[in-house]
Protein backbone atom coordinates (compact mmCIF):
# COMPACT_ATOMS: atom_id res chain seq x y z
CA MET A 1 0.00 0.00 0.00
CA PHE A 2 2.85 2.38 0.81
CA ARG A 3 4.54 1.53 -2.47
CA PHE A 4 1.41 2.34 -4.47
CA PHE A 5 0.06 5.32 -2.54
CA GLY A 6 3.06 6.66 -0.63
CA GLU A 7 4.26 6.38 2.95
CA HIS A 8 1.53 8.43 4.59
CA LEU A 9 -0.39 7.87 7.79
CA VAL A 10 -3.71 8.22 5.97
CA VAL A 11 -2.76 5.23 3.79
CA ALA A 12 -2.11 3.10 6.86
CA ARG A 13 -5.33 4.16 8.56
CA ALA A 14 -7.42 3.68 5.43
CA SER A 15 -5.98 0.19 5.00
CA VAL A 16 -6.88 -0.75 8.56
CA VAL A 17 -10.40 0.64 8.18
CA ALA A 18 -10.94 -1.28 4.93
CA LEU A 19 -9.63 -4.56 6.35
CA GLN A 20 -11.64 -4.18 9.54
CA GLY A 21 -14.79 -3.45 7.53
CA ILE A 22 -14.30 -6.54 5.37
CA ALA A 23 -13.52 -8.65 8.45
CA THR A 24 -16.72 -7.42 10.12
CA ALA A 25 -18.72 -8.47 7.07
CA ALA A 26 -16.94 -11.83 7.12
CA VAL A 27 -17.87 -12.43 10.76
CA PHE A 28 -21.48 -11.59 9.91
CA GLY A 29 -21.36 -14.08 7.03
CA ILE A 30 -19.86 -16.82 9.18
CA ALA A 31 -22.44 -16.35 11.93
CA LEU A 32 -25.30 -16.21 9.44
CA ARG A 33 -24.18 -19.46 7.80
CA ALA A 34 -23.97 -21.04 11.25
CA GLY A 35 -27.71 -20.48 11.65
CA THR A 36 -27.53 -17.83 14.36
CA GLY A 37 -30.20 -15.68 12.74
CA ALA A 38 -30.43 -12.17 14.16
CA PHE A 39 -27.48 -12.85 16.48
CA ALA A 40 -25.24 -12.57 13.43
CA HIS A 41 -25.61 -8.80 13.89
CA VAL A 42 -24.31 -9.15 17.46
CA ALA A 43 -21.27 -11.08 16.23
CA ALA A 44 -20.57 -8.44 13.61
CA ALA A 45 -20.96 -5.68 16.20
CA ALA A 46 -18.40 -7.40 18.43
CA GLN A 47 -15.92 -7.50 15.57
CA ALA A 48 -16.62 -3.87 14.71
CA ALA A 49 -15.95 -2.86 18.34
CA MET A 50 -12.60 -4.69 18.51
CA PRO A 51 -10.48 -1.56 17.89
CA ILE A 52 -11.98 -0.04 21.05
CA LEU A 53 -12.05 -3.16 23.21
CA ILE A 54 -8.47 -4.33 22.61
CA PHE A 55 -6.69 -1.13 21.63
CA PRO A 56 -4.17 -0.79 20.01
CA LEU A 57 -4.78 -4.07 18.18
CA PHE A 58 -7.04 -3.55 15.13
CA SER A 59 -6.29 0.17 15.34
CA ILE A 60 -2.73 0.48 14.05
CA TYR A 61 -1.22 -0.60 10.74
CA PHE A 62 1.20 -3.25 12.01
CA PRO A 63 1.73 -7.01 11.51
CA SER A 64 -0.58 -8.23 14.30
CA THR A 65 -3.52 -6.19 13.00
CA LEU A 66 -3.01 -7.45 9.46
CA ALA A 67 -2.60 -11.05 10.63
CA ALA A 68 -5.75 -10.93 12.77
CA THR A 69 -8.02 -9.46 10.11
CA LEU A 70 -6.64 -11.71 7.38
CA SER A 71 -7.21 -14.71 9.69
CA THR A 72 -10.88 -13.78 9.89
CA LEU A 73 -11.08 -13.61 6.10
CA ALA A 74 -9.30 -16.98 5.83
CA VAL A 75 -11.86 -18.57 8.16
CA TYR A 76 -14.71 -17.10 6.11
CA ALA A 77 -13.18 -18.49 2.91
CA ALA A 78 -12.77 -21.86 4.64
CA VAL A 79 -16.46 -21.88 5.56
CA ARG A 80 -17.37 -21.22 1.93
CA SER A 81 -14.80 -23.77 0.71
CA THR A 82 -16.76 -26.78 1.91
CA THR A 83 -18.79 -26.59 -1.30
CA SER A 84 -16.48 -24.55 -3.54
CA LEU A 85 -12.91 -25.26 -4.65
CA PRO A 86 -12.15 -21.62 -5.59
CA TRP A 87 -13.01 -20.59 -2.05
CA ALA A 88 -10.77 -23.41 -0.77
CA VAL A 89 -7.83 -22.05 -2.75
CA SER A 90 -8.65 -18.56 -1.45
CA ALA A 91 -8.57 -19.86 2.12
CA GLY A 92 -5.07 -21.20 1.52
CA VAL A 93 -3.91 -17.97 -0.09
CA LEU A 94 -5.24 -15.88 2.80
CA THR A 95 -3.66 -18.21 5.37
CA ALA A 96 -0.30 -17.82 3.63
CA CYS A 97 -0.77 -14.05 3.69
CA VAL A 98 -1.32 -14.31 7.45
CA ALA A 99 2.02 -16.15 7.70
CA LEU A 100 3.70 -13.39 5.71
CA CYS A 101 2.53 -10.94 8.37
CA LYS A 102 3.16 -13.13 11.44
CA GLN A 103 4.76 -16.53 10.84
CA THR A 104 3.65 -18.04 14.13
CA VAL A 105 0.02 -17.00 13.64
CA GLY A 106 0.04 -18.43 10.13
CA VAL A 107 1.33 -21.78 11.36
CA ALA A 108 -1.18 -21.87 14.22
CA LEU A 109 -4.00 -21.10 11.78
CA ALA A 110 -3.05 -23.40 8.90
CA LEU A 111 -3.25 -26.79 10.59
CA PRO A 112 -6.70 -26.49 12.23
CA LEU A 113 -8.08 -24.69 9.18
CA VAL A 114 -7.11 -27.52 6.81
CA ALA A 115 -8.40 -30.08 9.32
CA GLY A 116 -11.69 -28.21 9.66
CA VAL A 117 -12.18 -27.98 5.91
CA PHE A 118 -11.46 -31.70 5.60
CA ALA A 119 -13.98 -32.53 8.34
CA TYR A 120 -16.83 -30.38 7.04
CA ALA A 121 -16.43 -30.68 3.27
CA GLU A 122 -18.93 -32.70 1.28
CA ALA A 123 -18.48 -36.44 1.48
CA GLY A 124 -16.26 -37.68 -1.32
CA ARG A 125 -14.66 -34.24 -1.75
CA ARG A 126 -12.81 -33.96 1.54
CA LEU A 127 -9.33 -34.74 0.24
CA ILE A 128 -9.58 -32.55 -2.84
CA THR A 129 -11.04 -29.65 -0.83
CA ALA A 130 -8.37 -29.80 1.86
CA GLY A 131 -5.77 -30.21 -0.89
CA ALA A 132 -7.06 -27.06 -2.58
CA VAL A 133 -6.50 -25.11 0.65
CA ALA A 134 -2.96 -26.46 0.88
CA ALA A 135 -2.39 -25.67 -2.79
CA GLY A 136 -3.42 -22.04 -2.25
CA GLY A 137 -0.89 -21.69 0.55
CA ALA A 138 1.81 -23.42 -1.47
CA LEU A 139 1.15 -21.07 -4.39
CA VAL A 140 1.80 -18.00 -2.26
CA ALA A 141 4.93 -19.62 -0.84
CA ILE A 142 6.27 -20.33 -4.32
CA VAL A 143 5.51 -16.81 -5.52
CA THR A 144 7.16 -15.34 -2.41
CA VAL A 145 10.33 -17.41 -2.75
CA GLY A 146 10.33 -16.66 -6.48
CA ALA A 147 10.15 -12.94 -5.80
CA PHE A 148 13.13 -13.14 -3.45
CA ALA A 149 15.02 -15.28 -5.97
CA ALA A 150 14.32 -12.77 -8.75
CA GLN A 151 15.90 -10.05 -6.60
CA GLY A 152 18.83 -12.30 -5.70
CA THR A 153 17.94 -12.40 -2.01
CA ALA A 154 16.64 -15.98 -1.64
CA GLY A 155 19.76 -16.81 0.38
CA ASP A 156 18.99 -14.02 2.82
CA LEU A 157 15.43 -15.30 3.19
CA PHE A 158 16.63 -18.83 4.02
CA GLU A 159 19.27 -17.54 6.42
CA SER A 160 16.87 -15.34 8.36
CA LEU A 161 14.07 -17.94 8.64
CA VAL A 162 16.07 -21.16 9.04
CA THR A 163 19.81 -20.83 9.47
CA MET A 164 20.00 -18.00 12.00
CA PRO A 165 17.27 -19.23 14.41
CA LEU A 166 18.81 -22.71 14.51
CA THR A 167 22.30 -21.39 15.25
CA LEU A 168 21.18 -19.21 18.17
CA GLY A 169 20.74 -22.26 20.40
CA GLU A 170 19.93 -21.50 24.03
CA SER A 171 20.29 -17.78 23.48
CA PHE A 172 17.12 -17.92 21.37
CA ARG A 173 15.07 -19.18 24.32
CA THR A 174 13.65 -15.81 25.25
CA PRO A 175 10.92 -15.57 27.92
CA PHE A 176 8.36 -15.05 25.19
CA PRO A 177 6.71 -17.95 23.33
CA ALA A 178 7.84 -18.87 19.83
CA LEU A 179 7.10 -21.70 17.44
CA TRP A 180 10.32 -21.76 15.43
CA PRO A 181 12.45 -23.08 17.03
CA PRO A 182 10.12 -24.14 19.86
CA GLY A 183 10.38 -21.66 22.71
CA ASP A 184 9.02 -21.60 26.23
CA ILE A 185 7.51 -19.18 28.71
CA GLY A 186 10.14 -18.65 31.42
CA LYS A 187 9.84 -17.01 34.82
CA GLU A 188 10.71 -13.66 33.29
CA ALA A 189 7.52 -13.76 31.24
CA TRP A 190 5.29 -13.87 34.31
CA SER A 191 6.89 -10.68 35.60
CA ASN A 192 5.65 -9.08 32.36
CA TRP A 193 2.12 -10.43 32.73
CA PRO A 194 0.45 -7.22 31.41
CA TYR A 195 1.73 -8.12 27.93
CA TYR A 196 -0.46 -11.22 27.97
CA MET A 197 -3.68 -9.72 29.36
CA PRO A 198 -6.39 -7.53 27.78
CA ARG A 199 -5.50 -3.89 28.18
CA LEU A 200 -8.76 -2.99 29.94
CA TYR A 201 -8.12 -5.71 32.54
CA VAL A 202 -4.63 -4.36 33.17
CA PHE A 203 -6.07 -0.88 33.69
CA ALA A 204 -8.70 -2.20 36.11
CA VAL A 205 -6.27 -4.08 38.37
CA GLY A 206 -3.19 -1.88 37.90
CA GLU A 207 -1.30 0.26 40.38
CA ASN A 208 -4.02 2.90 40.61
CA PRO A 209 -7.28 1.15 39.67
CA THR A 210 -9.56 3.66 41.43
CA SER A 211 -8.64 6.60 39.21
CA VAL A 212 -8.75 4.43 36.09
CA ARG A 213 -12.23 3.14 36.90
CA GLY A 214 -13.39 6.66 37.56
CA MET A 215 -11.96 7.83 34.26
């Protein structure tokens, strides 16, 4: 978006607004297809209120916001994919886009999404539908690696994603969780518990909860 329209704050904000609007419509569609009736509006309202409820997530143009909204779109495509192969491919493409924003979120999303599509696809079409999701993800991966190769930076890509993390050894075991290589949550993480809790909860039980509640 910055490359096409320039590195301006309005571009970032407009992108977030557009993605959040599409994600809200996707949540409405998912709930409606689940047979919730009028409660689909409640689900959509919850998604629309996310920028307020869990600020700054969904409010700022950064990887977590993009990954979260694209995850919602991937789930919507997966719901539609149970009877449509093009939607299955789209689900895989969107999941790969999530991984391009946040690798760990993409990995955590991909496995249950493919399994869910396999479980709920029409009988006799489960393998081909789940395969279409995987093919969509593989397509994005190939295009991405191809783009790096065309610029002569495929080696840098491999080094940053594979070689360097594996050579860090114990020094990579930070107190924050990671999936590649597998990390753990050490004692240091619990001293930073506010990072893992909803912001409103932290405000309510923080050092001066009375003034915050009044505000």
